[in-house]
N, C-alpha and C. Protein backbone atom coordinates (compact mmCIF):
# COMPACT_ATOMS: atom_id res chain seq x y z
N MET A 1 -107.67 -218.52 82.52
CA MET A 1 -107.67 -219.89 82.44
C MET A 1 -106.36 -220.59 82.84
N LYS A 2 -105.34 -220.11 82.07
CA LYS A 2 -103.99 -220.72 82.26
C LYS A 2 -103.52 -220.49 83.68
N MET A 3 -103.79 -219.38 84.31
CA MET A 3 -103.33 -219.04 85.66
C MET A 3 -104.07 -220.01 86.63
N THR A 4 -105.32 -220.28 86.42
CA THR A 4 -106.13 -221.15 87.24
C THR A 4 -105.62 -222.66 87.15
N LEU A 5 -105.34 -222.99 86.00
CA LEU A 5 -104.56 -224.44 85.84
C LEU A 5 -103.25 -224.51 86.54
N ILE A 6 -102.53 -223.46 86.46
CA ILE A 6 -101.14 -223.57 87.13
C ILE A 6 -101.33 -223.45 88.61
N CYS A 7 -102.26 -222.77 89.10
CA CYS A 7 -102.59 -222.71 90.49
C CYS A 7 -103.03 -224.01 91.02
N CYS A 8 -103.91 -224.65 90.32
CA CYS A 8 -104.40 -225.97 90.75
C CYS A 8 -103.32 -227.00 90.72
N LEU A 9 -102.51 -227.01 89.65
CA LEU A 9 -101.48 -227.99 89.70
C LEU A 9 -100.34 -227.67 90.85
N GLY A 10 -100.20 -226.50 91.02
CA GLY A 10 -99.44 -226.13 92.25
C GLY A 10 -99.91 -226.68 93.61
N LEU A 11 -101.27 -226.46 93.70
CA LEU A 11 -101.79 -226.98 94.97
C LEU A 11 -101.97 -228.57 94.99
N LEU A 12 -101.95 -229.17 93.84
CA LEU A 12 -101.85 -230.64 93.76
C LEU A 12 -100.48 -231.19 94.20
N THR A 13 -99.47 -230.39 94.01
CA THR A 13 -97.98 -230.86 94.28
C THR A 13 -97.66 -230.60 95.70
N LEU A 14 -98.42 -229.78 96.46
CA LEU A 14 -98.04 -229.54 97.93
C LEU A 14 -97.96 -230.81 98.75
N PRO A 15 -98.85 -231.83 98.70
CA PRO A 15 -98.66 -232.95 99.48
C PRO A 15 -97.28 -233.80 99.19
N ILE A 16 -96.96 -233.70 97.97
CA ILE A 16 -95.63 -234.32 97.55
C ILE A 16 -94.54 -233.53 98.10
N ALA A 17 -94.60 -232.29 98.16
CA ALA A 17 -93.37 -231.38 98.80
C ALA A 17 -93.37 -231.78 100.16
N ALA A 18 -94.62 -231.70 100.92
CA ALA A 18 -94.62 -231.96 102.40
C ALA A 18 -94.10 -233.39 102.68
N HIS A 19 -94.36 -234.25 101.93
CA HIS A 19 -93.77 -235.62 102.01
C HIS A 19 -92.26 -235.76 102.06
N ALA A 20 -91.82 -234.85 101.02
CA ALA A 20 -90.24 -234.83 100.71
C ALA A 20 -89.58 -234.24 101.92
N ILE A 21 -90.34 -233.23 102.70
CA ILE A 21 -89.68 -232.55 103.77
C ILE A 21 -89.67 -233.66 104.98
N ASP A 22 -90.65 -234.35 105.17
CA ASP A 22 -90.79 -235.32 106.16
C ASP A 22 -90.17 -236.68 105.98
N ALA A 23 -89.23 -236.71 104.95
CA ALA A 23 -88.67 -237.98 104.44
C ALA A 23 -87.92 -238.77 105.62
N GLY A 24 -87.33 -238.04 106.60
CA GLY A 24 -86.65 -238.66 107.74
C GLY A 24 -85.51 -237.86 108.18
N PRO A 25 -84.97 -238.24 109.27
CA PRO A 25 -83.75 -237.60 109.76
C PRO A 25 -82.58 -237.59 108.96
N ALA A 26 -81.89 -236.55 108.84
CA ALA A 26 -80.71 -236.38 108.01
C ALA A 26 -79.38 -236.80 108.64
N SER A 27 -79.29 -236.61 109.84
CA SER A 27 -78.06 -236.96 110.59
C SER A 27 -78.24 -238.01 111.69
N PRO A 28 -77.09 -238.70 112.15
CA PRO A 28 -77.27 -239.62 113.30
C PRO A 28 -77.76 -238.99 114.54
N GLN A 29 -77.41 -237.63 114.75
CA GLN A 29 -77.99 -237.01 115.91
C GLN A 29 -79.36 -236.75 115.84
N GLN A 30 -79.99 -236.32 114.57
CA GLN A 30 -81.31 -236.10 114.43
C GLN A 30 -82.19 -237.45 114.54
N GLN A 31 -81.47 -238.60 114.15
CA GLN A 31 -82.23 -239.82 114.19
C GLN A 31 -82.37 -240.18 115.67
N GLU A 32 -81.33 -239.97 116.43
CA GLU A 32 -81.42 -240.19 117.91
C GLU A 32 -82.45 -239.44 118.53
N THR A 33 -82.49 -238.17 118.26
CA THR A 33 -83.49 -237.27 118.74
C THR A 33 -84.97 -237.76 118.50
N GLU A 34 -85.12 -238.00 117.18
CA GLU A 34 -86.26 -238.46 116.70
C GLU A 34 -86.75 -239.84 117.41
N GLY A 35 -85.84 -240.66 117.77
CA GLY A 35 -86.10 -241.91 118.50
C GLY A 35 -86.59 -241.68 119.77
N TRP A 36 -85.89 -240.66 120.54
CA TRP A 36 -86.36 -240.26 121.88
C TRP A 36 -87.67 -239.73 121.94
N LEU A 37 -88.05 -238.87 120.95
CA LEU A 37 -89.29 -238.18 120.73
C LEU A 37 -90.40 -239.18 120.61
N GLN A 38 -90.17 -240.17 119.79
CA GLN A 38 -91.16 -241.17 119.50
C GLN A 38 -91.37 -242.02 120.75
N LEU A 39 -90.38 -242.35 121.46
CA LEU A 39 -90.52 -243.03 122.78
C LEU A 39 -91.33 -242.36 123.74
N GLN A 40 -91.07 -241.08 123.77
CA GLN A 40 -91.97 -240.23 124.59
C GLN A 40 -93.25 -240.16 124.27
N SER A 41 -93.58 -239.77 122.99
CA SER A 41 -94.96 -239.63 122.54
C SER A 41 -95.72 -240.95 122.58
N ARG A 42 -95.09 -242.14 122.38
CA ARG A 42 -95.79 -243.30 122.49
C ARG A 42 -95.91 -243.96 123.83
N ASN A 43 -95.24 -243.27 124.73
CA ASN A 43 -95.24 -243.80 126.19
C ASN A 43 -94.75 -245.17 126.24
N LYS A 44 -93.51 -245.47 125.64
CA LYS A 44 -92.84 -246.70 125.59
C LYS A 44 -91.70 -246.78 126.70
N ALA A 45 -91.29 -245.62 127.19
CA ALA A 45 -90.22 -245.73 128.12
C ALA A 45 -90.67 -245.03 129.40
N ALA A 46 -91.86 -245.23 129.87
CA ALA A 46 -92.41 -244.63 131.09
C ALA A 46 -91.82 -245.36 132.27
N SER A 47 -91.53 -244.62 133.25
CA SER A 47 -91.02 -245.22 134.60
C SER A 47 -92.13 -245.99 135.12
N THR A 48 -91.67 -247.16 135.76
CA THR A 48 -92.72 -248.03 136.43
C THR A 48 -92.90 -247.56 137.89
N LYS A 49 -92.09 -246.66 138.26
CA LYS A 49 -92.19 -246.03 139.66
C LYS A 49 -93.24 -244.84 139.53
N GLN A 50 -94.09 -244.73 140.46
CA GLN A 50 -95.09 -243.64 140.66
C GLN A 50 -94.29 -242.44 140.99
N GLN A 51 -94.39 -241.45 140.25
CA GLN A 51 -93.74 -240.05 140.54
C GLN A 51 -94.80 -239.20 141.32
N THR A 52 -94.38 -238.94 142.50
CA THR A 52 -95.34 -238.20 143.35
C THR A 52 -94.51 -236.98 143.97
N SER A 53 -95.24 -235.98 144.47
CA SER A 53 -94.69 -234.84 145.24
C SER A 53 -95.34 -234.63 146.50
N THR A 54 -94.57 -234.15 147.47
CA THR A 54 -95.23 -233.93 148.74
C THR A 54 -96.07 -232.62 148.73
N ALA A 55 -96.84 -232.36 149.73
CA ALA A 55 -97.67 -231.19 149.80
C ALA A 55 -96.83 -229.91 149.80
N THR A 56 -95.68 -229.99 150.55
CA THR A 56 -94.69 -228.89 150.72
C THR A 56 -94.03 -228.65 149.28
N GLU A 57 -93.70 -229.67 148.68
CA GLU A 57 -93.11 -229.50 147.19
C GLU A 57 -94.24 -228.85 146.39
N ARG A 58 -95.36 -229.17 146.41
CA ARG A 58 -96.44 -228.62 145.53
C ARG A 58 -96.68 -227.10 145.91
N GLU A 59 -96.69 -226.86 147.19
CA GLU A 59 -96.85 -225.55 147.74
C GLU A 59 -95.63 -224.63 147.28
N LEU A 60 -94.44 -225.08 147.36
CA LEU A 60 -93.32 -224.27 146.91
C LEU A 60 -93.36 -223.97 145.44
N SER A 61 -93.76 -225.02 144.67
CA SER A 61 -93.83 -224.98 143.27
C SER A 61 -94.92 -223.84 142.86
N MET A 62 -96.07 -223.93 143.64
CA MET A 62 -97.17 -222.88 143.29
C MET A 62 -96.60 -221.56 143.49
N GLN A 63 -95.88 -221.33 144.72
CA GLN A 63 -95.43 -220.00 145.14
C GLN A 63 -94.43 -219.47 144.13
N ARG A 64 -93.58 -220.43 143.62
CA ARG A 64 -92.60 -219.95 142.56
C ARG A 64 -93.19 -219.60 141.26
N TRP A 65 -94.27 -220.29 141.01
CA TRP A 65 -95.11 -220.03 139.75
C TRP A 65 -95.77 -218.61 139.85
N LEU A 66 -96.38 -218.43 141.03
CA LEU A 66 -97.09 -217.17 141.26
C LEU A 66 -96.19 -215.95 141.24
N LYS A 67 -95.02 -216.18 141.82
CA LYS A 67 -93.94 -215.16 141.96
C LYS A 67 -93.52 -214.71 140.60
N SER A 68 -93.56 -215.64 139.61
CA SER A 68 -93.24 -215.29 138.29
C SER A 68 -93.99 -214.26 137.59
N TYR A 69 -95.18 -214.01 137.96
CA TYR A 69 -96.11 -213.05 137.53
C TYR A 69 -95.80 -211.57 138.16
N GLU A 70 -94.86 -211.43 139.02
CA GLU A 70 -94.71 -210.14 139.59
C GLU A 70 -93.87 -209.35 138.82
N HIS A 71 -93.21 -209.84 137.87
CA HIS A 71 -92.33 -209.02 136.95
C HIS A 71 -93.09 -208.71 135.70
N GLU A 72 -93.13 -207.34 135.34
CA GLU A 72 -93.84 -206.92 134.21
C GLU A 72 -93.08 -207.26 132.90
N ILE A 73 -93.78 -207.60 131.92
CA ILE A 73 -93.17 -207.96 130.65
C ILE A 73 -93.06 -206.72 129.89
N PRO A 74 -91.76 -206.33 129.52
CA PRO A 74 -91.39 -205.14 128.72
C PRO A 74 -92.04 -205.06 127.36
N GLN A 75 -92.51 -203.81 126.89
CA GLN A 75 -93.03 -203.71 125.55
C GLN A 75 -92.06 -204.12 124.45
N PHE A 76 -90.67 -203.83 124.73
CA PHE A 76 -89.64 -204.29 123.75
C PHE A 76 -88.38 -204.45 124.47
N PHE A 77 -87.51 -205.19 123.97
CA PHE A 77 -86.18 -205.49 124.64
C PHE A 77 -85.24 -204.44 123.97
N ASP A 78 -84.51 -203.73 124.92
CA ASP A 78 -83.55 -202.76 124.60
C ASP A 78 -82.15 -203.50 124.79
N GLN A 79 -81.35 -203.59 123.80
CA GLN A 79 -80.20 -204.32 123.84
C GLN A 79 -79.17 -203.57 124.85
N ASP A 80 -79.28 -202.30 124.91
CA ASP A 80 -78.37 -201.55 125.66
C ASP A 80 -78.57 -201.64 127.19
N GLU A 81 -79.87 -202.16 127.54
CA GLU A 81 -80.36 -202.28 128.88
C GLU A 81 -79.48 -203.40 129.80
N GLY A 82 -79.20 -204.45 129.01
CA GLY A 82 -78.57 -205.56 129.67
C GLY A 82 -77.16 -205.25 130.23
N GLY A 83 -76.55 -206.07 130.81
CA GLY A 83 -75.18 -206.07 131.29
C GLY A 83 -74.04 -206.12 130.23
N LYS A 84 -72.99 -205.90 130.65
CA LYS A 84 -71.90 -206.16 129.62
C LYS A 84 -71.25 -207.47 129.79
N VAL A 85 -70.70 -207.93 128.52
CA VAL A 85 -70.08 -209.18 128.53
C VAL A 85 -68.64 -208.95 128.84
N ASP A 86 -67.98 -209.66 129.67
CA ASP A 86 -66.66 -209.58 129.85
C ASP A 86 -65.82 -210.61 129.09
N SER A 87 -65.08 -209.96 128.21
CA SER A 87 -64.36 -210.84 127.29
C SER A 87 -62.89 -211.05 127.69
N GLY A 88 -62.67 -210.90 129.06
CA GLY A 88 -61.37 -211.09 129.54
C GLY A 88 -60.85 -212.59 129.40
N SER A 89 -59.81 -212.87 130.16
CA SER A 89 -59.21 -214.12 130.09
C SER A 89 -59.96 -215.16 130.92
N GLY A 90 -60.92 -214.67 131.71
CA GLY A 90 -61.66 -215.71 132.60
C GLY A 90 -60.96 -216.07 133.86
N GLY A 91 -61.61 -216.94 134.59
CA GLY A 91 -60.96 -217.30 135.73
C GLY A 91 -61.68 -217.93 136.77
């Protein structure tokens, strides 16, 4: 009985915890990002110019997309398979 009561009280506090997490951006950078995301999702900053692509651009885009399927996705990533990182002085 006690365990059921504790579980029910815990479930009742979940919305409060979720609200606390979504209280708002913590830093100015996060506020700026949130502002841009809201503009985008609300369609407030859409361009007035119609964005179009030519038939050639669409064809090249489709070819590039189809070509991406030519490479097999490996079962796992082996860190030793990749190249070496040059930690030299650069240039």
